[in-house]
N, C-alpha and C. Protein backbone atom coordinates (compact mmCIF):
# COMPACT_ATOMS: atom_id res chain seq x y z
N MET A 1 1.13 -1.07 -0.06
CA MET A 1 -0.21 -0.01 -0.01
C MET A 1 0.78 1.57 0.15
N GLY A 2 0.32 2.31 -0.33
CA GLY A 2 1.32 3.32 -0.32
C GLY A 2 2.80 3.65 -1.61
N GLU A 3 2.46 2.53 -3.16
CA GLU A 3 3.34 2.61 -3.81
C GLU A 3 3.58 4.36 -4.18
N ASN A 4 3.14 4.81 -4.86
CA ASN A 4 2.99 6.08 -5.70
C ASN A 4 3.02 7.64 -4.74
N LEU A 5 3.18 6.87 -3.20
CA LEU A 5 3.57 7.90 -2.37
C LEU A 5 5.54 7.93 -2.27
N PRO A 6 5.35 9.45 -2.06
CA PRO A 6 7.08 9.88 -1.47
C PRO A 6 7.69 8.86 -0.86
N ASN A 7 9.08 8.69 -0.95
CA ASN A 7 9.36 8.04 0.92
C ASN A 7 9.73 8.02 1.98
N TRP A 8 9.62 9.57 1.81
CA TRP A 8 9.92 10.52 2.96
C TRP A 8 8.63 10.81 3.77
N ILE A 9 7.79 10.41 3.07
CA ILE A 9 5.87 9.89 3.67
C ILE A 9 6.00 8.44 4.80
N ARG A 10 6.55 7.93 3.62
CA ARG A 10 5.63 6.22 4.45
C ARG A 10 6.46 6.28 5.97
N PRO A 11 7.10 7.11 6.39
CA PRO A 11 7.42 6.65 8.31
C PRO A 11 6.94 7.03 8.61
N ILE A 12 6.26 8.79 7.98
CA ILE A 12 5.30 8.96 9.54
C ILE A 12 4.13 8.30 9.40
N LEU A 13 3.57 7.87 8.11
CA LEU A 13 2.30 7.30 7.96
C LEU A 13 2.73 5.44 8.73
N ASP A 14 3.66 4.95 8.76
CA ASP A 14 3.80 3.86 9.14
C ASP A 14 4.09 4.02 11.38
N TRP A 15 4.05 4.90 12.14
CA TRP A 15 4.09 5.57 12.56
C TRP A 15 2.60 5.70 13.37
N MET A 16 1.85 6.78 12.29
CA MET A 16 0.59 7.25 12.11
C MET A 16 0.13 5.81 12.58
N GLY A 17 0.04 4.89 11.72
CA GLY A 17 -0.74 3.50 11.88
C GLY A 17 -0.37 2.35 13.02
N ASN A 18 0.83 2.63 14.20
CA ASN A 18 1.18 2.01 15.04
C ASN A 18 0.53 2.75 16.77
N THR A 19 -0.07 3.59 16.34
CA THR A 19 -0.42 4.45 17.63
C THR A 19 -1.73 4.47 18.41
N TRP A 20 -2.11 4.38 19.62
CA TRP A 20 -2.72 4.51 20.04
C TRP A 20 -3.68 4.68 19.74
N ILE A 21 -4.43 6.00 18.53
CA ILE A 21 -4.87 7.29 18.32
C ILE A 21 -5.64 5.97 17.12
N ASN A 22 -5.06 4.74 16.29
CA ASN A 22 -4.83 4.09 15.68
C ASN A 22 -5.89 3.11 16.08
N GLU A 23 -5.45 2.46 17.41
CA GLU A 23 -5.92 1.24 17.89
C GLU A 23 -7.91 1.38 18.38
N PHE A 24 -7.14 2.69 19.03
CA PHE A 24 -8.52 3.07 19.23
C PHE A 24 -9.57 3.08 17.96
N MET A 25 -9.48 3.64 16.62
CA MET A 25 -10.52 3.61 16.03
C MET A 25 -10.96 2.50 15.23
N LEU A 26 -9.66 2.01 15.22
CA LEU A 26 -9.97 0.63 14.57
C LEU A 26 -9.74 -0.59 15.56
N GLY A 27 -10.21 -0.50 16.93
CA GLY A 27 -10.55 -1.88 17.62
C GLY A 27 -12.65 -1.95 17.42
N PRO A 28 -12.34 -0.91 18.44
CA PRO A 28 -14.17 -1.03 18.90
C PRO A 28 -15.21 -0.98 17.78
N PRO A 29 -16.02 -1.78 17.00
CA PRO A 29 -16.69 -1.27 16.17
C PRO A 29 -17.35 0.08 16.30
N TRP A 30 -17.88 0.49 17.58
CA TRP A 30 -18.84 2.01 17.21
C TRP A 30 -18.10 2.82 17.34
N THR A 31 -16.84 2.58 17.52
CA THR A 31 -15.32 3.95 17.31
C THR A 31 -16.41 5.03 16.46
N TRP A 32 -15.93 4.49 14.79
CA TRP A 32 -16.03 5.15 13.26
C TRP A 32 -17.07 5.60 13.07
N PRO A 33 -18.28 4.88 13.77
CA PRO A 33 -19.46 5.27 13.48
C PRO A 33 -19.84 6.26 14.38
N TRP A 34 -19.21 6.38 15.77
CA TRP A 34 -19.72 7.57 16.59
C TRP A 34 -18.49 9.14 16.09
N PHE A 35 -17.56 8.81 15.60
CA PHE A 35 -16.84 9.78 15.32
C PHE A 35 -17.18 10.33 14.54
N GLU A 36 -17.64 9.57 13.21
CA GLU A 36 -18.84 10.55 12.12
C GLU A 36 -19.39 11.27 12.54
N THR A 37 -19.97 10.36 13.23
CA THR A 37 -21.26 11.57 13.91
C THR A 37 -20.66 12.93 14.68
N LEU A 38 -19.56 12.74 15.25
CA LEU A 38 -19.75 13.75 15.92
C LEU A 38 -18.76 14.89 14.46
N HIS A 39 -18.31 14.06 13.55
CA HIS A 39 -17.42 14.98 12.78
C HIS A 39 -18.45 15.63 12.08
N PHE A 40 -20.16 14.90 11.63
CA PHE A 40 -21.15 15.87 10.70
C PHE A 40 -21.65 16.78 11.92
N THR A 41 -21.44 16.58 13.57
CA THR A 41 -21.86 17.57 14.00
C THR A 41 -20.99 18.68 14.13
N GLY A 42 -19.99 18.84 14.23
CA GLY A 42 -18.70 19.46 14.15
C GLY A 42 -18.94 20.45 12.43
N MET A 43 -19.14 19.69 11.90
CA MET A 43 -19.46 20.12 10.38
C MET A 43 -20.45 21.15 10.20
N CYS A 44 -21.54 20.94 10.99
CA CYS A 44 -23.25 21.51 10.97
C CYS A 44 -22.72 22.99 11.70
N LEU A 45 -21.69 22.71 13.17
CA LEU A 45 -21.80 23.96 13.87
C LEU A 45 -20.71 25.01 13.27
N LEU A 46 -20.25 24.59 12.36
CA LEU A 46 -18.83 25.27 11.56
C LEU A 46 -19.32 25.70 10.67
N PHE A 47 -20.44 24.96 9.20
CA PHE A 47 -20.97 25.27 8.34
C PHE A 47 -22.43 26.28 8.25
N GLY A 48 -23.20 25.81 9.42
CA GLY A 48 -24.15 26.97 9.28
C GLY A 48 -23.80 28.15 9.72
N PRO A 49 -22.99 28.90 10.51
CA PRO A 49 -22.79 30.07 11.00
C PRO A 49 -22.04 30.53 9.72
N ILE A 50 -21.09 30.15 9.01
CA ILE A 50 -20.26 30.66 8.26
C ILE A 50 -21.13 30.79 6.84
N ILE A 51 -22.63 30.19 6.61
CA ILE A 51 -23.19 30.21 5.67
C ILE A 51 -24.06 31.80 6.11
N ILE A 52 -24.12 31.84 7.21
CA ILE A 52 -24.60 32.95 7.50
C ILE A 52 -24.34 34.65 7.44
N MET A 53 -22.71 34.19 8.27
CA MET A 53 -22.30 35.41 8.25
C MET A 53 -21.70 35.37 6.86
N ASP A 54 -21.36 34.52 5.99
CA ASP A 54 -20.81 35.47 4.32
C ASP A 54 -21.44 35.78 4.03
N LEU A 55 -22.88 35.08 3.56
CA LEU A 55 -24.28 35.66 2.87
C LEU A 55 -24.37 37.08 3.62
N ARG A 56 -24.43 37.36 4.68
CA ARG A 56 -24.41 38.81 5.14
C ARG A 56 -23.42 39.68 4.74
N LEU A 57 -21.91 38.88 4.54
CA LEU A 57 -20.87 39.91 4.24
C LEU A 57 -21.37 40.29 2.71
N LEU A 58 -21.70 39.34 1.88
CA LEU A 58 -22.03 39.55 0.30
C LEU A 58 -23.26 40.27 0.38
N GLY A 59 -24.01 40.82 1.48
CA GLY A 59 -25.07 41.94 1.33
C GLY A 59 -26.70 41.54 1.67
N PHE A 60 -26.69 40.32 1.42
CA PHE A 60 -27.98 39.64 1.99
C PHE A 60 -29.07 39.66 3.24
N ASP A 61 -30.03 40.20 2.96
CA ASP A 61 -30.36 40.38 4.68
C ASP A 61 -29.74 41.63 5.20
N ARG A 62 -29.21 42.34 3.93
CA ARG A 62 -28.36 43.59 5.63
C ARG A 62 -29.12 44.38 6.25
N LEU A 63 -30.18 44.67 6.04
CA LEU A 63 -31.45 45.46 6.32
C LEU A 63 -31.88 45.14 7.26
N ALA A 64 -32.44 43.71 7.96
CA ALA A 64 -32.71 42.51 8.96
C ALA A 64 -31.47 42.42 9.95
N LEU A 65 -30.20 42.29 9.76
CA LEU A 65 -29.11 41.51 9.67
C LEU A 65 -28.20 42.50 10.22
N SER A 66 -28.23 42.39 11.57
CA SER A 66 -26.75 43.42 11.40
C SER A 66 -25.11 42.94 11.70
N SER A 67 -24.76 43.15 10.67
CA SER A 67 -23.26 42.43 10.87
C SER A 67 -22.21 41.66 12.66
N ALA A 68 -23.05 42.95 13.15
CA ALA A 68 -22.43 42.34 14.93
C ALA A 68 -23.24 41.42 15.23
N ALA A 69 -24.49 41.07 15.02
CA ALA A 69 -25.58 40.06 15.14
C ALA A 69 -25.06 38.99 14.64
N THR A 70 -24.07 39.27 13.10
CA THR A 70 -23.82 37.69 12.67
C THR A 70 -22.05 36.92 13.74
N HIS A 71 -21.83 38.07 13.88
CA HIS A 71 -20.52 37.58 14.74
C HIS A 71 -20.80 37.37 16.04
N LYS A 72 -21.88 37.36 16.95
CA LYS A 72 -22.11 36.45 17.78
C LYS A 72 -22.62 34.68 17.51
N LEU A 73 -21.63 34.42 16.66
CA LEU A 73 -22.00 32.79 16.01
C LEU A 73 -20.67 32.36 15.95
N ILE A 74 -20.19 32.91 16.20
CA ILE A 74 -18.46 32.91 15.83
C ILE A 74 -18.24 31.65 16.62
N PRO A 75 -18.83 32.20 18.07
CA PRO A 75 -18.67 30.41 19.33
C PRO A 75 -18.53 29.07 18.46
N LEU A 76 -19.86 28.96 18.03
CA LEU A 76 -20.32 28.26 17.45
C LEU A 76 -19.12 27.22 16.31
N THR A 77 -18.62 28.65 15.52
CA THR A 77 -17.98 27.83 14.11
C THR A 77 -16.28 27.98 14.62
N ILE A 78 -15.98 28.53 15.70
CA ILE A 78 -14.77 27.96 16.38
C ILE A 78 -15.38 26.33 17.02
N ALA A 79 -16.68 26.60 17.80
CA ALA A 79 -16.20 25.13 18.33
C ALA A 79 -16.74 23.45 17.09
N GLY A 80 -17.11 23.89 16.40
CA GLY A 80 -17.38 23.30 15.30
C GLY A 80 -16.07 22.53 14.27
N PHE A 81 -15.55 23.61 14.71
CA PHE A 81 -13.84 23.80 13.87
C PHE A 81 -13.17 22.52 15.06
N ALA A 82 -13.40 22.84 15.81
CA ALA A 82 -12.76 21.91 16.40
C ALA A 82 -12.74 20.90 16.88
N ILE A 83 -14.18 20.84 16.91
CA ILE A 83 -14.47 19.38 16.76
C ILE A 83 -14.10 18.56 15.38
N ASN A 84 -14.13 19.11 14.14
CA ASN A 84 -13.67 18.67 13.23
C ASN A 84 -12.35 18.25 12.82
N LEU A 85 -11.47 19.19 13.66
CA LEU A 85 -10.46 19.34 13.60
C LEU A 85 -10.07 18.20 14.57
N VAL A 86 -10.55 17.90 15.87
CA VAL A 86 -10.16 16.42 16.38
C VAL A 86 -10.30 14.89 15.85
N THR A 87 -12.07 15.72 14.91
CA THR A 87 -12.33 14.09 14.87
C THR A 87 -11.40 13.90 13.40
N GLY A 88 -11.34 14.54 12.78
CA GLY A 88 -10.59 14.63 11.38
C GLY A 88 -8.71 13.81 11.36
N VAL A 89 -8.26 14.18 12.48
CA VAL A 89 -7.13 13.73 13.25
C VAL A 89 -7.04 12.34 13.01
N PHE A 90 -8.36 12.02 13.98
CA PHE A 90 -8.52 10.82 14.63
C PHE A 90 -8.65 9.66 13.12
N PHE A 91 -9.34 10.03 12.89
CA PHE A 91 -9.60 9.60 10.73
C PHE A 91 -8.37 9.64 9.95
N LEU A 92 -7.32 10.63 10.19
CA LEU A 92 -6.40 10.15 9.71
C LEU A 92 -5.49 9.49 10.22
N PHE A 93 -5.64 8.96 11.50
CA PHE A 93 -4.28 8.33 12.48
C PHE A 93 -5.38 7.05 12.45
N GLY A 94 -6.82 6.36 12.26
CA GLY A 94 -7.06 5.71 11.81
C GLY A 94 -7.17 4.94 10.51
N ASN A 95 -6.76 5.99 9.49
CA ASN A 95 -6.54 4.56 8.22
C ASN A 95 -5.80 5.68 7.71
N PRO A 96 -4.21 5.69 7.81
CA PRO A 96 -3.44 6.57 7.16
C PRO A 96 -2.85 7.14 6.09
N TYR A 97 -2.81 5.90 5.10
CA TYR A 97 -2.54 5.10 3.70
C TYR A 97 -3.76 5.58 2.68
N ARG A 98 -4.77 5.27 3.70
CA ARG A 98 -6.15 5.98 2.92
C ARG A 98 -6.02 7.20 2.95
N TYR A 99 -6.03 8.17 3.50
CA TYR A 99 -6.23 9.48 3.34
C TYR A 99 -5.05 9.85 2.38
N ALA A 100 -3.78 9.60 3.11
CA ALA A 100 -2.70 10.50 2.56
C ALA A 100 -2.24 9.81 1.00
N MET A 101 -3.25 8.80 0.44
CA MET A 101 -3.45 8.68 -1.76
C MET A 101 -4.43 9.16 -1.74
N ASN A 102 -5.17 9.66 -0.91
CA ASN A 102 -6.76 9.49 -2.05
C ASN A 102 -7.00 11.76 -1.85
N ILE A 103 -6.99 11.42 -3.37
CA ILE A 103 -6.93 13.34 -4.04
C ILE A 103 -8.18 14.09 -3.24
N SER A 104 -9.60 13.55 -2.81
CA SER A 104 -9.77 14.11 -1.84
C SER A 104 -9.66 15.03 -0.79
N PHE A 105 -8.59 14.29 0.23
CA PHE A 105 -8.68 14.77 1.47
C PHE A 105 -7.76 15.37 0.60
N VAL A 106 -6.67 15.44 0.01
CA VAL A 106 -5.81 16.03 -0.13
C VAL A 106 -6.06 17.61 -0.92
N ILE A 107 -7.04 17.43 -1.53
CA ILE A 107 -8.00 18.92 -1.92
C ILE A 107 -8.60 19.53 -0.43
N LYS A 108 -9.11 18.73 -0.05
CA LYS A 108 -9.95 19.10 1.62
C LYS A 108 -9.47 19.82 1.75
N ALA A 109 -7.72 19.07 2.97
CA ALA A 109 -6.66 19.58 3.22
C ALA A 109 -6.20 21.71 2.62
N VAL A 110 -5.92 21.21 1.76
CA VAL A 110 -5.05 22.53 0.76
C VAL A 110 -6.36 23.71 0.91
N LEU A 111 -7.47 22.61 0.73
CA LEU A 111 -8.69 24.12 1.02
C LEU A 111 -8.95 24.38 3.04
N ILE A 112 -8.71 24.06 3.24
CA ILE A 112 -9.18 24.45 5.21
C ILE A 112 -7.44 25.23 5.26
N VAL A 113 -6.64 24.73 4.92
CA VAL A 113 -5.41 25.40 4.81
C VAL A 113 -5.85 27.51 4.07
N LEU A 114 -5.97 27.16 2.87
CA LEU A 114 -6.82 28.13 2.50
C LEU A 114 -8.19 29.31 3.13
N ALA A 115 -8.59 28.00 3.68
CA ALA A 115 -10.24 28.81 4.24
C ALA A 115 -9.11 29.74 6.00
N GLY A 116 -8.39 29.10 6.29
CA GLY A 116 -7.51 29.23 7.56
C GLY A 116 -7.03 30.73 6.95
N ILE A 117 -6.67 30.90 6.25
CA ILE A 117 -5.44 32.35 5.24
C ILE A 117 -6.57 32.95 5.60
N ASN A 118 -7.94 32.61 4.67
CA ASN A 118 -8.92 33.50 4.38
C ASN A 118 -9.29 34.54 5.77
N ALA A 119 -9.73 33.39 6.74
CA ALA A 119 -10.08 34.23 8.52
C ALA A 119 -9.57 34.72 8.98
N ILE A 120 -8.19 34.08 9.02
CA ILE A 120 -6.28 35.58 9.92
C ILE A 120 -7.50 36.38 8.29
N TYR A 121 -7.35 36.73 7.57
CA TYR A 121 -7.26 38.00 6.94
C TYR A 121 -8.40 38.43 6.89
N PHE A 122 -9.85 38.41 7.41
CA PHE A 122 -10.79 38.44 7.61
C PHE A 122 -10.70 39.30 9.22
N TRP A 123 -9.64 38.87 9.94
CA TRP A 123 -9.40 38.82 11.05
C TRP A 123 -8.69 40.19 11.03
N LYS A 124 -7.49 40.43 10.73
CA LYS A 124 -6.49 41.17 10.38
C LYS A 124 -6.70 42.41 9.43
N LYS A 125 -7.46 42.31 8.89
CA LYS A 125 -7.89 43.42 8.06
C LYS A 125 -9.30 43.30 7.50
N ALA A 126 -9.91 43.00 7.53
CA ALA A 126 -10.96 43.48 7.19
C ALA A 126 -12.46 43.77 8.51
N MET A 127 -12.22 42.61 9.49
CA MET A 127 -13.07 43.45 10.77
C MET A 127 -12.87 44.74 11.26
N PRO A 128 -11.34 45.51 11.26
CA PRO A 128 -11.15 46.61 11.49
C PRO A 128 -12.18 47.63 10.47
N ILE A 129 -12.44 47.09 9.08
CA ILE A 129 -12.80 48.03 8.18
C ILE A 129 -14.60 47.95 8.54
N LEU A 130 -14.72 46.48 8.87
CA LEU A 130 -16.15 46.62 9.00
C LEU A 130 -16.70 47.22 9.89
N GLU A 131 -15.35 47.62 11.62
CA GLU A 131 -16.05 48.41 12.63
C GLU A 131 -16.34 49.90 12.03
N HIS A 132 -16.15 50.28 11.27
CA HIS A 132 -16.64 51.35 11.01
C HIS A 132 -17.24 51.40 10.11
N THR A 133 -17.99 50.61 9.81
CA THR A 133 -19.67 50.41 9.10
C THR A 133 -20.85 50.23 9.45
N GLY A 134 -21.48 51.00 8.97
CA GLY A 134 -22.11 50.65 9.82
C GLY A 134 -23.66 49.87 10.01
N PRO A 135 -24.37 49.49 11.01
CA PRO A 135 -24.65 47.91 11.47
C PRO A 135 -25.55 47.14 10.10
N HIS A 136 -25.93 48.29 9.27
CA HIS A 136 -27.04 47.66 8.25
C HIS A 136 -26.65 47.95 6.96
N GLU A 137 -25.08 48.44 7.07
CA GLU A 137 -24.68 48.92 5.58
C GLU A 137 -24.34 47.89 4.78
N ALA A 138 -23.90 47.94 3.62
CA ALA A 138 -23.51 47.10 2.34
C ALA A 138 -21.87 47.25 2.76
N ALA A 139 -21.31 45.81 2.83
CA ALA A 139 -20.10 45.81 3.41
C ALA A 139 -19.32 46.47 2.00
N PRO A 140 -17.73 47.10 2.50
CA PRO A 140 -17.21 46.84 1.07
C PRO A 140 -16.56 46.00 -0.10
N THR A 141 -16.71 46.45 -1.20
CA THR A 141 -15.93 45.03 -1.91
C THR A 141 -14.87 43.95 -1.33
N SER A 142 -13.99 44.83 -1.25
CA SER A 142 -13.07 43.92 -0.72
C SER A 142 -13.25 42.96 0.09
N ILE A 143 -14.06 43.46 1.07
CA ILE A 143 -14.75 42.12 1.87
C ILE A 143 -15.59 41.34 1.85
N ARG A 144 -16.44 41.79 0.75
CA ARG A 144 -17.54 41.09 -0.02
C ARG A 144 -16.38 39.50 -1.00
N ILE A 145 -15.54 40.18 -1.44
CA ILE A 145 -14.40 39.27 -1.79
C ILE A 145 -14.04 38.21 -0.50
N VAL A 146 -13.81 38.31 0.55
CA VAL A 146 -13.12 37.68 1.32
C VAL A 146 -14.93 36.51 2.47
N GLY A 147 -15.76 37.68 2.12
CA GLY A 147 -17.15 36.57 2.49
C GLY A 147 -17.16 35.31 1.44
N LEU A 148 -17.41 36.13 -0.58
CA LEU A 148 -17.48 34.52 -1.24
C LEU A 148 -16.01 34.03 -1.17
N SER A 149 -15.06 34.01 -0.69
CA SER A 149 -13.79 33.46 -0.54
C SER A 149 -14.37 32.40 0.31
N SER A 150 -14.35 32.80 1.28
CA SER A 150 -14.84 31.69 2.30
C SER A 150 -16.03 30.76 2.50
N LEU A 151 -17.04 31.38 1.67
CA LEU A 151 -18.05 30.89 1.07
C LEU A 151 -17.55 29.56 0.50
N LEU A 152 -16.65 30.01 -0.83
CA LEU A 152 -16.83 28.79 -1.68
C LEU A 152 -15.66 28.09 -1.44
N LEU A 153 -14.77 28.41 -0.59
CA LEU A 153 -13.83 27.64 0.41
C LEU A 153 -14.27 26.24 1.44
N TRP A 154 -15.40 27.34 1.70
CA TRP A 154 -15.56 25.89 2.66
C TRP A 154 -16.58 25.31 2.25
N THR A 155 -17.13 25.15 1.07
CA THR A 155 -18.40 24.52 0.14
C THR A 155 -17.41 23.88 0.20
N GLY A 156 -15.93 23.74 -0.62
CA GLY A 156 -15.40 23.24 -1.43
C GLY A 156 -15.16 22.01 -0.01
N VAL A 157 -14.46 22.58 1.11
CA VAL A 157 -14.02 21.62 2.08
C VAL A 157 -14.63 20.59 2.27
N LEU A 158 -16.38 21.27 2.59
CA LEU A 158 -17.50 20.17 2.68
C LEU A 158 -17.75 18.90 0.89
N CYS A 159 -17.86 19.80 0.01
CA CYS A 159 -17.56 18.41 -1.25
C CYS A 159 -16.93 17.45 -0.95
N PHE A 160 -15.40 17.65 -1.03
CA PHE A 160 -14.27 17.03 -1.36
C PHE A 160 -14.15 16.46 -0.10
N GLY A 161 -14.59 16.71 1.33
CA GLY A 161 -14.49 15.76 2.18
C GLY A 161 -15.54 14.37 1.74
N ARG A 162 -16.46 15.29 1.61
CA ARG A 162 -18.41 14.15 0.98
C ARG A 162 -17.11 12.90 -0.36
N LEU A 163 -16.26 13.40 -0.61
CA LEU A 163 -15.70 12.43 -1.81
C LEU A 163 -14.62 12.37 -1.32
N ILE A 164 -14.06 11.68 -0.24
CA ILE A 164 -13.01 11.54 0.00
C ILE A 164 -13.60 9.17 -0.12
N PRO A 165 -14.98 9.06 0.35
CA PRO A 165 -15.04 7.22 0.51
C PRO A 165 -15.24 6.78 -0.80
N TYR A 166 -15.06 8.20 -2.22
CA TYR A 166 -15.53 7.02 -3.65
C TYR A 166 -14.11 8.26 -4.67
N LEU A 167 -13.52 8.86 -4.05
CA LEU A 167 -12.56 9.39 -5.54
C LEU A 167 -11.22 9.24 -4.57
N GLY A 168 -10.06 8.46 -5.57
CA GLY A 168 -9.01 8.23 -5.19
C GLY A 168 -8.37 7.24 -3.79
N THR A 169 -9.27 6.14 -3.35
CA THR A 169 -9.38 5.25 -2.21
C THR A 169 -8.74 4.40 -3.42
N GLY A 170 -8.04 4.17 -4.72
CA GLY A 170 -7.68 2.89 -5.39
C GLY A 170 -8.07 1.76 -5.32
């Protein structure tokens, strides 16, 4: 397994496959389904608020919903991301060769990194601009681009995550 992988990654994947996390994920028959359920719950907590916040940044429902109101959803988003990060790491350790060889997983991981960079940009550059924008005003174009990027990146994460069982599994 893993013939097409670079030589440098094989020892890492072998190590991951020999950890207690691997045994935990593959041992009891209930572990993987429970983690799938947690991962789905985390995805809902992450993606639901992101849709609301990003659509608001794009100008949808700006007269009824202020930017400040949507930012109250950020703790849910962070909780969802944390749940997905932990469960995702456990999945990776549970079957490291499968994920390392899976193009959907690789694309999903890249999109998560890009979404993280977009979020950092939002906090560092866009958030100060929003603080000077009225509660029901349209966001400037630069901030709309950040919102659209976030929406597209997280949609890609969702789609490619769902495709993991079907694409690139050998």
